[in-house]
Amino acid sequence: MPIKFIFDDEKLGLWMLFHQTYSSIFKYEDKEFAKVGITPQQHAILMAIKNNNDSITPSILADWFERDANSITLIIDRMEKTGFVNRARDDNDHRMMKITMTKKGERALNKSAEVGNILIPEMLENLSEKEIKTFLILLDKIREPAVAKNYPGKPIVDIRTGRSAVSKTIKKKK
């Protein structure tokens, strides 16, 4: 049964609601993506490969998803076993591994993108455009100190993506 905690301390209440919201969204995503045979993490990795000219390194994926390299490697191992991706040594730097999407991975991405195209508007339907913009600003304000603690002295990299291109710019720290 879902529970909503009400605390006298509003910050504690916000923190608990933040975690419950994340967990609830993740659980719903997991259920919906499972219908097409993929996990939300696998979908995200396939999207990253697609938006990075069809090849990417595990370390870049780890940076993008703010995960440790070992957890990304475990996901990629499972994706390789299911035939969604291939791993190959980089031609220019043999120490580096490149991840590419297979045809099966592309089909899985197309199916899962349909799920995402329904799921995202569904989860955000109660928010106006103005509220979405405000929420983005507020989440960024919450995320920034966490990023600073996890990656001291490192700048945040903005990656602007459309459906087919990715461009990178460094966000200047004040």
Protein backbone atom coordinates (compact mmCIF):
# COMPACT_ATOMS: atom_id res chain seq x y z
CA MET A 1 0.00 0.00 0.00
CA PRO A 2 1.41 3.43 -0.90
CA ILE A 3 2.18 5.62 2.08
CA LYS A 4 2.62 9.38 2.25
CA PHE A 5 4.61 10.49 5.27
CA ILE A 6 3.81 13.87 6.76
CA PHE A 7 6.62 15.36 8.79
CA ASP A 8 6.69 18.52 10.89
CA ASP A 9 10.04 19.23 9.24
CA GLU A 10 9.12 20.10 5.63
CA LYS A 11 12.66 19.44 4.36
CA LEU A 12 12.51 15.90 5.73
CA GLY A 13 9.05 15.47 4.18
CA LEU A 14 10.34 16.74 0.84
CA TRP A 15 13.32 14.39 1.00
CA MET A 16 11.12 11.37 1.75
CA LEU A 17 8.64 12.33 -1.00
CA PHE A 18 11.54 12.80 -3.42
CA HIS A 19 12.77 9.25 -2.73
CA GLN A 20 9.28 7.73 -2.84
CA THR A 21 8.58 9.50 -6.15
CA TYR A 22 11.82 8.22 -7.65
CA SER A 23 11.09 4.67 -6.49
CA SER A 24 7.51 4.75 -7.75
CA ILE A 25 8.49 6.11 -11.16
CA PHE A 26 11.31 3.57 -11.44
CA LYS A 27 8.97 0.71 -10.55
CA TYR A 28 6.43 1.87 -13.17
CA GLU A 29 9.17 2.29 -15.80
CA ASP A 30 10.49 -1.17 -15.04
CA LYS A 31 7.02 -2.70 -15.47
CA GLU A 32 6.28 -0.87 -18.72
CA PHE A 33 9.66 -1.49 -20.37
CA ALA A 34 9.52 -5.18 -19.35
CA LYS A 35 6.48 -5.51 -21.63
CA VAL A 36 8.83 -5.02 -24.61
CA GLY A 37 11.68 -7.10 -23.16
CA ILE A 38 14.05 -4.40 -21.96
CA THR A 39 14.97 -2.61 -18.74
CA PRO A 40 14.92 1.18 -18.30
CA GLN A 41 18.72 1.11 -17.91
CA GLN A 42 19.15 -0.85 -21.14
CA HIS A 43 16.83 1.58 -22.91
CA ALA A 44 18.90 4.53 -21.63
CA ILE A 45 22.15 2.93 -22.80
CA LEU A 46 20.71 2.23 -26.26
CA MET A 47 19.52 5.87 -26.42
CA ALA A 48 23.01 7.04 -25.45
CA ILE A 49 24.62 4.89 -28.15
CA LYS A 50 22.15 6.19 -30.74
CA ASN A 51 22.78 9.81 -29.72
CA ASN A 52 26.56 9.32 -29.78
CA ASN A 53 26.90 8.38 -33.44
CA ASP A 54 26.16 4.69 -32.77
CA SER A 55 29.20 3.96 -30.59
CA ILE A 56 30.23 4.86 -27.04
CA THR A 57 32.65 3.80 -24.30
CA PRO A 58 31.62 2.36 -20.93
CA SER A 59 33.38 5.22 -19.12
CA ILE A 60 31.34 7.81 -21.03
CA LEU A 61 28.17 5.89 -20.16
CA ALA A 62 29.20 5.85 -16.50
CA ASP A 63 29.68 9.62 -16.60
CA TRP A 64 26.39 10.24 -18.39
CA PHE A 65 24.35 8.17 -15.94
CA GLU A 66 26.38 9.07 -12.85
CA ARG A 67 26.97 5.41 -12.14
CA ASP A 68 30.19 3.57 -11.39
CA ALA A 69 31.89 1.82 -14.28
CA ASN A 70 31.32 -1.63 -12.74
CA SER A 71 27.54 -1.26 -12.73
CA ILE A 72 27.59 -0.07 -16.36
CA THR A 73 29.80 -3.03 -17.30
CA LEU A 74 27.31 -5.45 -15.70
CA ILE A 75 24.43 -3.94 -17.69
CA ILE A 76 26.49 -4.06 -20.90
CA ASP A 77 27.39 -7.72 -20.19
CA ARG A 78 23.68 -8.59 -20.01
CA MET A 79 22.96 -6.52 -23.12
CA GLU A 80 25.69 -8.31 -25.03
CA LYS A 81 24.29 -11.71 -23.96
CA THR A 82 20.81 -10.70 -25.18
CA GLY A 83 22.30 -9.49 -28.46
CA PHE A 84 21.47 -5.77 -28.02
CA VAL A 85 25.09 -4.55 -28.22
CA ASN A 86 28.56 -5.56 -29.33
CA ARG A 87 31.88 -4.68 -27.74
CA ALA A 88 35.01 -4.06 -29.76
CA ARG A 89 38.43 -2.56 -29.16
CA ASP A 90 38.85 0.98 -30.43
CA ASP A 91 40.95 1.03 -33.62
CA ASN A 92 42.90 4.09 -32.44
CA ASP A 93 43.33 3.11 -28.77
CA HIS A 94 43.32 -0.63 -28.09
CA ARG A 95 42.96 -0.05 -24.34
CA MET A 96 39.52 1.46 -24.98
CA MET A 97 36.36 -0.56 -25.57
CA LYS A 98 33.61 0.74 -27.86
CA ILE A 99 29.98 -0.31 -27.44
CA THR A 100 27.83 -0.44 -30.57
CA MET A 101 24.18 -1.28 -31.06
CA THR A 102 23.17 -4.38 -33.01
CA LYS A 103 20.12 -4.68 -35.28
CA LYS A 104 18.37 -6.50 -32.43
CA GLY A 105 19.28 -3.60 -30.14
CA GLU A 106 17.90 -1.12 -32.65
CA ARG A 107 14.59 -3.03 -32.79
CA ALA A 108 14.48 -3.09 -28.98
CA LEU A 109 15.20 0.66 -28.88
CA ASN A 110 12.40 1.37 -31.35
CA LYS A 111 9.92 -0.63 -29.25
CA SER A 112 11.10 0.88 -25.97
CA ALA A 113 11.05 4.40 -27.40
CA GLU A 114 7.34 3.92 -28.03
CA VAL A 115 6.96 3.03 -24.34
CA GLY A 116 8.94 6.11 -23.32
CA ASN A 117 6.91 8.33 -25.64
CA ILE A 118 3.78 7.29 -23.72
CA LEU A 119 5.27 6.99 -20.24
CA ILE A 120 6.94 10.41 -20.00
CA PRO A 121 3.90 12.52 -20.91
CA GLU A 122 1.78 10.27 -18.68
CA MET A 123 3.99 10.95 -15.65
CA LEU A 124 4.16 14.68 -16.36
CA GLU A 125 0.55 15.27 -17.41
CA ASN A 126 -0.33 17.09 -14.16
CA LEU A 127 2.36 19.73 -14.76
CA SER A 128 1.97 22.84 -16.88
CA GLU A 129 4.82 23.98 -19.15
CA LYS A 130 5.67 26.66 -16.60
CA GLU A 131 5.71 24.11 -13.77
CA ILE A 132 7.99 21.83 -15.81
CA LYS A 133 10.45 24.69 -16.35
CA THR A 134 10.33 25.56 -12.64
CA PHE A 135 10.77 21.91 -11.67
CA LEU A 136 13.84 21.63 -13.92
CA ILE A 137 15.39 24.63 -12.19
CA LEU A 138 14.59 23.25 -8.74
CA LEU A 139 15.92 19.75 -9.50
CA ASP A 140 19.11 21.29 -10.86
CA LYS A 141 19.49 23.23 -7.59
CA ILE A 142 19.13 20.00 -5.63
CA ARG A 143 21.46 18.04 -7.93
CA GLU A 144 24.30 20.58 -8.03
CA PRO A 145 25.52 20.16 -4.43
CA ALA A 146 25.28 16.36 -4.75
CA VAL A 147 27.37 16.46 -7.94
CA ALA A 148 29.88 18.78 -6.25
CA LYS A 149 30.26 16.29 -3.37
CA ASN A 150 30.59 13.29 -5.70
CA TYR A 151 32.85 14.96 -8.30
CA PRO A 152 34.83 17.67 -6.47
CA GLY A 153 36.36 20.25 -8.77
CA LYS A 154 34.90 18.77 -11.95
CA PRO A 155 32.69 20.89 -14.18
CA ILE A 156 29.23 19.75 -15.24
CA VAL A 157 29.11 18.94 -18.94
CA ASP A 158 25.92 19.89 -20.78
CA ILE A 159 24.94 17.57 -23.60
CA ARG A 160 22.26 18.99 -25.82
CA THR A 161 20.48 16.36 -27.82
CA GLY A 162 17.87 16.31 -30.45
CA ARG A 163 16.60 13.16 -32.06
CA SER A 164 19.80 12.68 -34.05
CA ALA A 165 22.65 14.91 -32.88
CA VAL A 166 24.62 15.55 -29.75
CA SER A 167 26.71 18.62 -29.04
CA LYS A 168 28.72 19.24 -25.91
CA THR A 169 29.37 22.47 -24.08
CA ILE A 170 30.97 22.96 -20.71
CA LYS A 171 28.82 24.76 -18.16
CA LYS A 172 30.98 27.48 -16.66
CA LYS A 173 31.18 27.41 -12.88
CA LYS A 174 30.64 30.74 -11.13
